[in-house]
PDB file of N, CA and C in Angstrom:
ATOM      1  N   MET A   1      15.827 135.668 119.043  1.00  0.00           N
ATOM      2  CA  MET A   1      16.141 136.882 118.300  1.00  0.00           C
ATOM      3  C   MET A   1      15.492 138.067 119.005  1.00  0.00           C
ATOM      4  N   ALA A   2      16.305 139.041 119.345  1.00  0.00           N
ATOM      5  CA  ALA A   2      15.818 140.246 120.014  1.00  0.00           C
ATOM      6  C   ALA A   2      15.841 141.419 119.041  1.00  0.00           C
ATOM      7  N   LYS A   3      15.095 142.440 119.395  1.00  0.00           N
ATOM      8  CA  LYS A   3      15.053 143.672 118.593  1.00  0.00           C
ATOM      9  C   LYS A   3      15.532 144.801 119.496  1.00  0.00           C
ATOM     10  N   MET A   4      16.476 145.590 119.005  1.00  0.00           N
ATOM     11  CA  MET A   4      17.066 146.658 119.798  1.00  0.00           C
ATOM     12  C   MET A   4      17.014 147.968 119.010  1.00  0.00           C
ATOM     13  N   GLU A   5      16.544 149.043 119.654  1.00  0.00           N
ATOM     14  CA  GLU A   5      16.538 150.360 119.017  1.00  0.00           C
ATOM     15  C   GLU A   5      17.684 151.189 119.571  1.00  0.00           C
ATOM     16  N   ILE A   6      18.371 151.863 118.657  1.00  0.00           N
ATOM     17  CA  ILE A   6      19.499 152.716 119.024  1.00  0.00           C
ATOM     18  C   ILE A   6      19.169 154.111 118.520  1.00  0.00           C
ATOM     19  N   ASP A   7      18.972 155.036 119.431  1.00  0.00           N
ATOM     20  CA  ASP A   7      18.590 156.405 119.070  1.00  0.00           C
ATOM     21  C   ASP A   7      19.813 157.317 119.162  1.00  0.00           C
ATOM     22  N   VAL A   8      20.299 157.729 118.010  1.00  0.00           N
ATOM     23  CA  VAL A   8      21.444 158.648 117.963  1.00  0.00           C
ATOM     24  C   VAL A   8      21.051 159.959 117.275  1.00  0.00           C
ATOM     25  N   ARG A   9      19.759 160.252 117.302  1.00  0.00           N
ATOM     26  CA  ARG A   9      19.291 161.512 116.722  1.00  0.00           C
ATOM     27  C   ARG A   9      19.930 162.686 117.455  1.00  0.00           C
ATOM     28  N   GLU A  10      20.259 163.721 116.693  1.00  0.00           N
ATOM     29  CA  GLU A  10      20.886 164.951 117.200  1.00  0.00           C
ATOM     30  C   GLU A  10      22.328 164.750 117.657  1.00  0.00           C
ATOM     31  N   GLN A  11      22.905 163.579 117.423  1.00  0.00           N
ATOM     32  CA  GLN A  11      24.312 163.322 117.751  1.00  0.00           C
ATOM     33  C   GLN A  11      25.147 163.482 116.478  1.00  0.00           C
ATOM     34  N   ILE A  12      26.359 163.993 116.622  1.00  0.00           N
ATOM     35  CA  ILE A  12      27.243 164.150 115.463  1.00  0.00           C
ATOM     36  C   ILE A  12      28.436 163.206 115.593  1.00  0.00           C
ATOM     37  N   CYS A  13      29.122 163.000 114.487  1.00  0.00           N
ATOM     38  CA  CYS A  13      30.275 162.094 114.449  1.00  0.00           C
ATOM     39  C   CYS A  13      31.309 162.517 115.483  1.00  0.00           C
ATOM     40  N   PRO A  14      31.916 161.557 116.110  1.00  0.00           N
ATOM     41  CA  PRO A  14      31.860 160.112 115.901  1.00  0.00           C
ATOM     42  C   PRO A  14      30.862 159.397 116.807  1.00  0.00           C
ATOM     43  N   VAL A  15      30.048 160.138 117.575  1.00  0.00           N
ATOM     44  CA  VAL A  15      29.182 159.531 118.585  1.00  0.00           C
ATOM     45  C   VAL A  15      28.253 158.450 118.017  1.00  0.00           C
ATOM     46  N   PRO A  16      27.508 158.688 116.925  1.00  0.00           N
ATOM     47  CA  PRO A  16      26.606 157.643 116.432  1.00  0.00           C
ATOM     48  C   PRO A  16      27.319 156.326 116.104  1.00  0.00           C
ATOM     49  N   LEU A  17      28.457 156.402 115.485  1.00  0.00           N
ATOM     50  CA  LEU A  17      29.192 155.194 115.118  1.00  0.00           C
ATOM     51  C   LEU A  17      29.715 154.463 116.365  1.00  0.00           C
ATOM     52  N   VAL A  18      30.206 155.208 117.329  1.00  0.00           N
ATOM     53  CA  VAL A  18      30.719 154.604 118.568  1.00  0.00           C
ATOM     54  C   VAL A  18      29.582 153.902 119.319  1.00  0.00           C
ATOM     55  N   VAL A  19      28.443 154.563 119.430  1.00  0.00           N
ATOM     56  CA  VAL A  19      27.281 153.978 120.112  1.00  0.00           C
ATOM     57  C   VAL A  19      26.831 152.710 119.387  1.00  0.00           C
ATOM     58  N   CYS A  20      26.791 152.767 118.069  1.00  0.00           N
ATOM     59  CA  CYS A  20      26.371 151.599 117.280  1.00  0.00           C
ATOM     60  C   CYS A  20      27.334 150.433 117.435  1.00  0.00           C
ATOM     61  N   ARG A  21      28.614 150.688 117.386  1.00  0.00           N
ATOM     62  CA  ARG A  21      29.594 149.601 117.525  1.00  0.00           C
ATOM     63  C   ARG A  21      29.458 148.898 118.872  1.00  0.00           C
ATOM     64  N   LYS A  22      29.214 149.674 119.928  1.00  0.00           N
ATOM     65  CA  LYS A  22      29.019 149.070 121.252  1.00  0.00           C
ATOM     66  C   LYS A  22      27.766 148.194 121.247  1.00  0.00           C
ATOM     67  N   ALA A  23      26.700 148.673 120.617  1.00  0.00           N
ATOM     68  CA  ALA A  23      25.453 147.904 120.556  1.00  0.00           C
ATOM     69  C   ALA A  23      25.635 146.645 119.717  1.00  0.00           C
ATOM     70  N   PHE A  24      26.389 146.741 118.619  1.00  0.00           N
ATOM     71  CA  PHE A  24      26.628 145.575 117.766  1.00  0.00           C
ATOM     72  C   PHE A  24      27.332 144.474 118.556  1.00  0.00           C
ATOM     73  N   LYS A  25      28.276 144.863 119.394  1.00  0.00           N
ATOM     74  CA  LYS A  25      29.032 143.887 120.178  1.00  0.00           C
ATOM     75  C   LYS A  25      28.170 143.231 121.255  1.00  0.00           C
ATOM     76  N   ARG A  26      27.195 143.972 121.800  1.00  0.00           N
ATOM     77  CA  ARG A  26      26.302 143.426 122.831  1.00  0.00           C
ATOM     78  C   ARG A  26      25.240 142.505 122.235  1.00  0.00           C
ATOM     79  N   ALA A  27      24.892 142.735 120.975  1.00  0.00           N
ATOM     80  CA  ALA A  27      23.821 141.968 120.329  1.00  0.00           C
ATOM     81  C   ALA A  27      24.268 140.532 120.064  1.00  0.00           C
ATOM     82  N   SER A  28      23.292 139.644 120.039  1.00  0.00           N
ATOM     83  CA  SER A  28      23.541 138.237 119.727  1.00  0.00           C
ATOM     84  C   SER A  28      23.305 137.997 118.236  1.00  0.00           C
ATOM     85  N   PRO A  29      23.919 136.966 117.669  1.00  0.00           N
ATOM     86  CA  PRO A  29      23.675 136.641 116.260  1.00  0.00           C
ATOM     87  C   PRO A  29      22.175 136.478 115.995  1.00  0.00           C
ATOM     88  N   GLY A  30      21.712 137.116 114.923  1.00  0.00           N
ATOM     89  CA  GLY A  30      20.301 137.071 114.550  1.00  0.00           C
ATOM     90  C   GLY A  30      19.493 138.237 115.079  1.00  0.00           C
ATOM     91  N   ASP A  31      20.022 138.970 116.063  1.00  0.00           N
ATOM     92  CA  ASP A  31      19.303 140.130 116.602  1.00  0.00           C
ATOM     93  C   ASP A  31      19.138 141.200 115.527  1.00  0.00           C
ATOM     94  N   ILE A  32      18.050 141.958 115.640  1.00  0.00           N
ATOM     95  CA  ILE A  32      17.768 143.064 114.732  1.00  0.00           C
ATOM     96  C   ILE A  32      18.023 144.361 115.493  1.00  0.00           C
ATOM     97  N   LEU A  33      18.814 145.245 114.889  1.00  0.00           N
ATOM     98  CA  LEU A  33      19.098 146.549 115.473  1.00  0.00           C
ATOM     99  C   LEU A  33      18.526 147.614 114.557  1.00  0.00           C
ATOM    100  N   ILE A  34      17.799 148.555 115.133  1.00  0.00           N
ATOM    101  CA  ILE A  34      17.230 149.657 114.368  1.00  0.00           C
ATOM    102  C   ILE A  34      17.883 150.934 114.871  1.00  0.00           C
ATOM    103  N   VAL A  35      18.647 151.567 113.996  1.00  0.00           N
ATOM    104  CA  VAL A  35      19.377 152.780 114.351  1.00  0.00           C
ATOM    105  C   VAL A  35      18.619 153.977 113.787  1.00  0.00           C
ATOM    106  N   LYS A  36      18.302 154.939 114.664  1.00  0.00           N
ATOM    107  CA  LYS A  36      17.597 156.149 114.246  1.00  0.00           C
ATOM    108  C   LYS A  36      18.527 157.331 114.445  1.00  0.00           C
ATOM    109  N   GLY A  37      18.696 158.138 113.386  1.00  0.00           N
ATOM    110  CA  GLY A  37      19.614 159.261 113.485  1.00  0.00           C
ATOM    111  C   GLY A  37      19.245 160.428 112.600  1.00  0.00           C
ATOM    112  N   THR A  38      20.056 161.483 112.710  1.00  0.00           N
ATOM    113  CA  THR A  38      19.840 162.694 111.930  1.00  0.00           C
ATOM    114  C   THR A  38      21.114 163.169 111.224  1.00  0.00           C
ATOM    115  N   HIS A  39      22.262 162.713 111.650  1.00  0.00           N
ATOM    116  CA  HIS A  39      23.525 163.199 111.091  1.00  0.00           C
ATOM    117  C   HIS A  39      23.781 162.544 109.729  1.00  0.00           C
ATOM    118  N   PRO A  40      23.869 163.348 108.654  1.00  0.00           N
ATOM    119  CA  PRO A  40      24.000 162.792 107.300  1.00  0.00           C
ATOM    120  C   PRO A  40      25.222 161.889 107.103  1.00  0.00           C
ATOM    121  N   ALA A  41      26.365 162.252 107.650  1.00  0.00           N
ATOM    122  CA  ALA A  41      27.572 161.439 107.456  1.00  0.00           C
ATOM    123  C   ALA A  41      27.432 160.074 108.118  1.00  0.00           C
ATOM    124  N   SER A  42      26.759 160.022 109.256  1.00  0.00           N
ATOM    125  CA  SER A  42      26.576 158.753 109.965  1.00  0.00           C
ATOM    126  C   SER A  42      25.698 157.799 109.168  1.00  0.00           C
ATOM    127  N   LYS A  43      24.785 158.345 108.384  1.00  0.00           N
ATOM    128  CA  LYS A  43      23.917 157.513 107.548  1.00  0.00           C
ATOM    129  C   LYS A  43      24.752 156.713 106.545  1.00  0.00           C
ATOM    130  N   LYS A  44      25.902 157.248 106.165  1.00  0.00           N
ATOM    131  CA  LYS A  44      26.805 156.547 105.240  1.00  0.00           C
ATOM    132  C   LYS A  44      27.821 155.691 105.998  1.00  0.00           C
ATOM    133  N   GLU A  45      28.327 156.214 107.120  1.00  0.00           N
ATOM    134  CA  GLU A  45      29.389 155.534 107.866  1.00  0.00           C
ATOM    135  C   GLU A  45      28.914 154.267 108.570  1.00  0.00           C
ATOM    136  N   ILE A  46      27.705 154.282 109.114  1.00  0.00           N
ATOM    137  CA  ILE A  46      27.209 153.120 109.856  1.00  0.00           C
ATOM    138  C   ILE A  46      27.069 151.900 108.946  1.00  0.00           C
ATOM    139  N   PRO A  47      26.457 152.021 107.754  1.00  0.00           N
ATOM    140  CA  PRO A  47      26.408 150.843 106.869  1.00  0.00           C
ATOM    141  C   PRO A  47      27.797 150.341 106.447  1.00  0.00           C
ATOM    142  N   MET A  48      28.754 151.260 106.253  1.00  0.00           N
ATOM    143  CA  MET A  48      30.116 150.831 105.908  1.00  0.00           C
ATOM    144  C   MET A  48      30.738 150.050 107.058  1.00  0.00           C
ATOM    145  N   ALA A  49      30.507 150.501 108.291  1.00  0.00           N
ATOM    146  CA  ALA A  49      31.028 149.796 109.465  1.00  0.00           C
ATOM    147  C   ALA A  49      30.370 148.421 109.594  1.00  0.00           C
ATOM    148  N   CYS A  50      29.081 148.355 109.288  1.00  0.00           N
ATOM    149  CA  CYS A  50      28.366 147.067 109.341  1.00  0.00           C
ATOM    150  C   CYS A  50      28.995 146.075 108.369  1.00  0.00           C
ATOM    151  N   LYS A  51      29.274 146.527 107.178  1.00  0.00           N
ATOM    152  CA  LYS A  51      29.880 145.660 106.167  1.00  0.00           C
ATOM    153  C   LYS A  51      31.246 145.161 106.657  1.00  0.00           C
ATOM    154  N   ALA A  52      32.034 146.059 107.232  1.00  0.00           N
ATOM    155  CA  ALA A  52      33.361 145.692 107.725  1.00  0.00           C
ATOM    156  C   ALA A  52      33.278 144.692 108.883  1.00  0.00           C
ATOM    157  N   MET A  53      32.181 144.749 109.646  1.00  0.00           N
ATOM    158  CA  MET A  53      32.011 143.857 110.798  1.00  0.00           C
ATOM    159  C   MET A  53      31.256 142.580 110.423  1.00  0.00           C
ATOM    160  N   GLY A  54      30.870 142.460 109.160  1.00  0.00           N
ATOM    161  CA  GLY A  54      30.167 141.263 108.714  1.00  0.00           C
ATOM    162  C   GLY A  54      28.695 141.231 109.088  1.00  0.00           C
ATOM    163  N   LEU A  55      28.105 142.408 109.325  1.00  0.00           N
ATOM    164  CA  LEU A  55      26.687 142.501 109.664  1.00  0.00           C
ATOM    165  C   LEU A  55      25.881 142.769 108.399  1.00  0.00           C
ATOM    166  N   GLU A  56      24.606 142.432 108.441  1.00  0.00           N
ATOM    167  CA  GLU A  56      23.741 142.582 107.270  1.00  0.00           C
ATOM    168  C   GLU A  56      22.851 143.824 107.412  1.00  0.00           C
ATOM    169  N   VAL A  57      23.007 144.782 106.500  1.00  0.00           N
ATOM    170  CA  VAL A  57      22.132 145.952 106.472  1.00  0.00           C
ATOM    171  C   VAL A  57      20.877 145.552 105.699  1.00  0.00           C
ATOM    172  N   LEU A  58      19.747 145.561 106.385  1.00  0.00           N
ATOM    173  CA  LEU A  58      18.492 145.123 105.785  1.00  0.00           C
ATOM    174  C   LEU A  58      17.765 146.257 105.073  1.00  0.00           C
ATOM    175  N   LYS A  59      17.882 147.482 105.627  1.00  0.00           N
ATOM    176  CA  LYS A  59      17.110 148.593 105.063  1.00  0.00           C
ATOM    177  C   LYS A  59      17.680 149.924 105.535  1.00  0.00           C
ATOM    178  N   ILE A  60      17.710 150.894 104.624  1.00  0.00           N
ATOM    179  CA  ILE A  60      18.066 152.275 104.959  1.00  0.00           C
ATOM    180  C   ILE A  60      16.906 153.124 104.463  1.00  0.00           C
ATOM    181  N   GLU A  61      16.302 153.874 105.361  1.00  0.00           N
ATOM    182  CA  GLU A  61      15.085 154.600 105.011  1.00  0.00           C
ATOM    183  C   GLU A  61      15.126 156.022 105.556  1.00  0.00           C
ATOM    184  N   ASP A  62      14.741 156.984 104.709  1.00  0.00           N
ATOM    185  CA  ASP A  62      14.591 158.368 105.159  1.00  0.00           C
ATOM    186  C   ASP A  62      13.259 158.531 105.865  1.00  0.00           C
ATOM    187  N   LYS A  63      13.246 159.355 106.900  1.00  0.00           N
ATOM    188  CA  LYS A  63      12.038 159.646 107.675  1.00  0.00           C
ATOM    189  C   LYS A  63      11.886 161.160 107.807  1.00  0.00           C
ATOM    190  N   GLU A  64      10.718 161.569 108.206  1.00  0.00           N
ATOM    191  CA  GLU A  64      10.457 162.991 108.479  1.00  0.00           C
ATOM    192  C   GLU A  64      10.898 163.886 107.323  1.00  0.00           C
ATOM    193  N   GLY A  65      10.550 163.485 106.109  1.00  0.00           N
ATOM    194  CA  GLY A  65      10.891 164.294 104.937  1.00  0.00           C
ATOM    195  C   GLY A  65      12.379 164.417 104.696  1.00  0.00           C
ATOM    196  N   GLY A  66      13.145 163.409 105.109  1.00  0.00           N
ATOM    197  CA  GLY A  66      14.592 163.411 104.904  1.00  0.00           C
ATOM    198  C   GLY A  66      15.391 164.021 106.047  1.00  0.00           C
ATOM    199  N   LYS A  67      14.713 164.516 107.071  1.00  0.00           N
ATOM    200  CA  LYS A  67      15.416 165.112 108.214  1.00  0.00           C
ATOM    201  C   LYS A  67      15.991 164.051 109.142  1.00  0.00           C
ATOM    202  N   GLU A  68      15.404 162.863 109.123  1.00  0.00           N
ATOM    203  CA  GLU A  68      15.875 161.751 109.938  1.00  0.00           C
ATOM    204  C   GLU A  68      16.034 160.530 109.050  1.00  0.00           C
ATOM    205  N   TRP A  69      16.744 159.537 109.565  1.00  0.00           N
ATOM    206  CA  TRP A  69      16.916 158.279 108.837  1.00  0.00           C
ATOM    207  C   TRP A  69      16.840 157.125 109.816  1.00  0.00           C
ATOM    208  N   GLU A  70      16.621 155.941 109.247  1.00  0.00           N
ATOM    209  CA  GLU A  70      16.546 154.714 110.040  1.00  0.00           C
ATOM    210  C   GLU A  70      17.256 153.621 109.284  1.00  0.00           C
ATOM    211  N   ILE A  71      18.135 152.898 109.970  1.00  0.00           N
ATOM    212  CA  ILE A  71      18.880 151.804 109.368  1.00  0.00           C
ATOM    213  C   ILE A  71      18.548 150.537 110.149  1.00  0.00           C
ATOM    214  N   LYS A  72      18.113 149.511 109.431  1.00  0.00           N
ATOM    215  CA  LYS A  72      17.768 148.225 110.056  1.00  0.00           C
ATOM    216  C   LYS A  72      18.882 147.242 109.738  1.00  0.00           C
ATOM    217  N   ILE A  73      19.432 146.629 110.796  1.00  0.00           N
ATOM    218  CA  ILE A  73      20.623 145.780 110.680  1.00  0.00           C
ATOM    219  C   ILE A  73      20.382 144.449 111.377  1.00  0.00           C
ATOM    220  N   ARG A  74      20.872 143.367 110.770  1.00  0.00           N
ATOM    221  CA  ARG A  74      20.827 142.059 111.434  1.00  0.00           C
ATOM    222  C   ARG A  74      22.249 141.691 111.842  1.00  0.00           C
ATOM    223  N   ARG A  75      22.414 141.327 113.118  1.00  0.00           N
ATOM    224  CA  ARG A  75      23.719 140.927 113.651  1.00  0.00           C
ATOM    225  C   ARG A  75      24.019 139.507 113.202  1.00  0.00           C
TER     226      ARG A  75
END
């Protein structure tokens, strides 16, 4: 099991989702992906994409007083 960080801070749609989908495909089953971002819409879209791809969203957390977010996903 590997751990992968995906930094999409300061990126706007559709870039964060596209970057995440590519990372999801590269990851092996059981890998943990931590996505860090700032775009509010992506915070909602990435978990929806995970559900559609059969991935498990472990945690969604606000950081930096709500200016950033972090989503932890298991492939």
